Amino acid sequence: MLWVGDEPRPRQPGRPGREASLTSPGDDVPILVVDDDPHFCAGVDRALAAVPIRAHAVHTAVDALRFLARADAPRPAFVVLDFNLPDLNAPAVLADPLFRSVPVLVLTQVPGAADERAALGAGARAYHAKPSRAAALRELLLDFWRTHAGPHGDPDR
């Protein structure tokens, strides 16, 4: 997905590939982005450029479960989960106990009432259509953080 009205940000040297830390490390709050679309992951990167969040991206449900199971992986403040992944859909992913302890925002390209009920019923805290503009994505992510990320700080700091 290309972000309407956005110019691509130059890629920083040394960024990893398959499981990428999308923003620079530091005291930032970690989140996990689970989406098979690299353009969406890059859009999250641009949308959160000025926010103290360090996004880690994986592209499949299996990769997300491996990330959450790793003892050395940062515990995400929240997860941004694509509804339709190549290996599992969001309700199937949310059935795993690793996802019960972290707030999950499910985003989808094609929203539907049945999918929303399934995602929320499986434990997602919110379900939304993927915004087509980076500014709208930024506001959606920050609102979710304010509402659900609890002890992980204030995005307005």
Protein backbone atom coordinates (compact mmCIF):
# COMPACT_ATOMS: atom_id res chain seq x y z
CA MET A 1 0.00 0.00 0.00
CA LEU A 2 1.38 3.42 -0.86
CA TRP A 3 0.63 6.29 1.49
CA VAL A 4 -1.25 9.08 -0.23
CA GLY A 5 0.57 12.40 0.02
CA ASP A 6 3.72 11.00 1.65
CA GLU A 7 7.25 11.12 0.37
CA PRO A 8 9.34 8.05 1.23
CA ARG A 9 11.79 8.57 4.06
CA PRO A 10 15.37 7.59 3.19
CA ARG A 11 16.28 4.13 4.42
CA GLN A 12 18.80 4.22 7.23
CA PRO A 13 21.88 2.03 6.80
CA GLY A 14 22.13 -1.11 8.84
CA ARG A 15 18.42 -1.78 9.21
CA PRO A 16 17.68 -5.49 9.41
CA GLY A 17 15.43 -7.24 6.92
CA ARG A 18 12.83 -9.91 7.84
CA GLU A 19 12.28 -8.77 11.42
CA ALA A 20 13.08 -5.10 11.25
CA SER A 21 13.29 -2.47 13.94
CA LEU A 22 11.57 0.33 12.06
CA THR A 23 12.73 3.23 14.19
CA SER A 24 15.94 4.01 16.02
CA PRO A 25 16.61 2.27 19.33
CA GLY A 26 16.72 4.07 22.66
CA ASP A 27 14.25 4.60 25.46
CA ASP A 28 11.38 4.32 23.02
CA VAL A 29 8.30 2.21 23.75
CA PRO A 30 8.38 -1.04 21.76
CA ILE A 31 5.43 -2.16 19.63
CA LEU A 32 5.06 -5.11 17.28
CA VAL A 33 3.68 -4.64 13.76
CA VAL A 34 2.49 -7.88 12.16
CA ASP A 35 1.77 -7.25 8.48
CA ASP A 36 2.88 -8.93 5.27
CA ASP A 37 2.82 -5.64 3.33
CA PRO A 38 6.22 -3.92 3.46
CA HIS A 39 4.62 -0.66 2.27
CA PHE A 40 2.31 -0.67 5.30
CA CYS A 41 5.26 -1.30 7.62
CA ALA A 42 7.10 1.61 6.00
CA GLY A 43 3.95 3.71 6.47
CA VAL A 44 3.95 2.90 10.19
CA ASP A 45 7.59 3.97 10.28
CA ARG A 46 6.78 7.32 8.66
CA ALA A 47 3.65 7.85 10.74
CA LEU A 48 5.54 7.35 14.01
CA ALA A 49 8.78 9.12 13.05
CA ALA A 50 8.37 11.87 15.66
CA VAL A 51 6.90 9.63 18.38
CA PRO A 52 8.88 7.75 21.05
CA ILE A 53 7.91 4.32 19.70
CA ARG A 54 10.28 1.64 18.39
CA ALA A 55 8.32 -0.58 16.03
CA HIS A 56 9.44 -4.13 15.33
CA ALA A 57 7.97 -5.60 12.14
CA VAL A 58 7.32 -9.23 11.29
CA HIS A 59 5.43 -10.48 8.25
CA THR A 60 3.63 -13.65 9.34
CA ALA A 61 1.72 -14.95 12.34
CA VAL A 62 4.41 -17.56 12.96
CA ASP A 63 7.08 -14.83 13.02
CA ALA A 64 4.95 -12.84 15.50
CA LEU A 65 4.59 -15.84 17.81
CA ARG A 66 8.34 -16.48 17.63
CA PHE A 67 9.01 -12.82 18.46
CA LEU A 68 6.69 -12.84 21.48
CA ALA A 69 8.12 -16.14 22.72
CA ARG A 70 11.75 -14.95 22.64
CA ALA A 71 13.13 -14.17 26.07
CA ASP A 72 15.42 -11.47 24.64
CA ALA A 73 12.70 -9.68 22.64
CA PRO A 74 11.27 -6.45 24.05
CA ARG A 75 7.78 -6.82 25.47
CA PRO A 76 5.58 -4.71 23.17
CA ALA A 77 3.25 -2.08 24.62
CA PHE A 78 0.80 -3.16 21.94
CA VAL A 79 0.53 -5.12 18.71
CA VAL A 80 -0.71 -3.86 15.36
CA LEU A 81 -2.06 -6.98 13.62
CA ASP A 82 -3.19 -7.29 10.01
CA PHE A 83 -6.46 -9.24 9.85
CA ASN A 84 -5.41 -11.32 6.82
CA LEU A 85 -1.90 -12.73 7.02
CA PRO A 86 -0.49 -15.32 4.61
CA ASP A 87 -0.48 -18.05 7.25
CA LEU A 88 -3.34 -17.24 9.68
CA ASN A 89 -6.08 -14.68 10.15
CA ALA A 90 -6.31 -12.42 13.20
CA PRO A 91 -8.79 -14.54 15.23
CA ALA A 92 -6.53 -17.60 14.82
CA VAL A 93 -3.47 -15.59 15.86
CA LEU A 94 -5.29 -14.14 18.87
CA ALA A 95 -6.16 -17.66 20.06
CA ASP A 96 -2.53 -18.15 21.08
CA PRO A 97 -1.93 -17.39 24.79
CA LEU A 98 1.08 -15.20 23.91
CA PHE A 99 -1.35 -12.56 22.63
CA ARG A 100 -3.54 -12.48 25.76
CA SER A 101 -1.19 -10.30 27.77
CA VAL A 102 -0.69 -7.54 25.22
CA PRO A 103 -3.28 -5.13 23.74
CA VAL A 104 -3.92 -5.84 20.05
CA LEU A 105 -5.18 -3.42 17.40
CA VAL A 106 -6.42 -5.31 14.34
CA LEU A 107 -6.24 -3.42 11.06
CA THR A 108 -7.64 -4.59 7.75
CA GLN A 109 -7.64 -3.48 4.14
CA VAL A 110 -11.25 -4.63 3.61
CA PRO A 111 -13.37 -4.15 6.77
CA GLY A 112 -16.40 -6.31 7.44
CA ALA A 113 -18.81 -6.67 10.34
CA ALA A 114 -18.26 -10.45 10.62
CA ASP A 115 -14.47 -10.01 10.68
CA GLU A 116 -14.79 -7.28 13.30
CA ARG A 117 -16.94 -9.50 15.53
CA ALA A 118 -14.48 -12.37 15.09
CA ALA A 119 -11.42 -10.22 15.93
CA LEU A 120 -13.02 -8.58 18.96
CA GLY A 121 -14.44 -11.89 20.12
CA ALA A 122 -10.95 -13.42 19.92
CA GLY A 123 -9.52 -10.73 22.18
CA ALA A 124 -8.53 -7.76 20.03
CA ARG A 125 -9.06 -4.45 21.81
CA ALA A 126 -9.97 -2.61 18.59
CA TYR A 127 -10.62 -3.26 14.90
CA HIS A 128 -10.29 -0.63 12.16
CA ALA A 129 -9.83 -0.22 8.43
CA LYS A 130 -6.26 0.67 7.49
CA PRO A 131 -6.09 4.43 7.00
CA SER A 132 -4.89 5.58 3.58
CA ARG A 133 -2.99 8.57 4.98
CA ALA A 134 -0.02 8.48 7.34
CA ALA A 135 -1.47 11.26 9.52
CA ALA A 136 -4.66 9.26 10.08
CA LEU A 137 -2.63 6.14 10.86
CA ARG A 138 -0.52 8.12 13.33
CA GLU A 139 -3.62 9.40 15.16
CA LEU A 140 -5.18 5.94 15.22
CA LEU A 141 -2.01 4.40 16.70
CA LEU A 142 -1.57 7.19 19.25
CA ASP A 143 -5.22 6.98 20.32
CA PHE A 144 -4.86 3.22 20.75
CA TRP A 145 -1.66 3.75 22.77
CA ARG A 146 -3.33 6.32 25.03
CA THR A 147 -6.30 4.04 25.62
CA HIS A 148 -4.69 0.61 25.91
CA ALA A 149 -0.92 0.68 26.50
CA GLY A 150 -1.18 1.51 30.21
CA PRO A 151 2.19 1.64 31.97
CA HIS A 152 4.18 2.16 28.79
CA GLY A 153 4.04 5.91 28.98
CA ASP A 154 2.36 8.81 27.33
CA PRO A 155 2.78 9.36 23.59
CA ASP A 156 2.61 13.11 24.15
CA ARG A 157 5.74 13.23 26.32
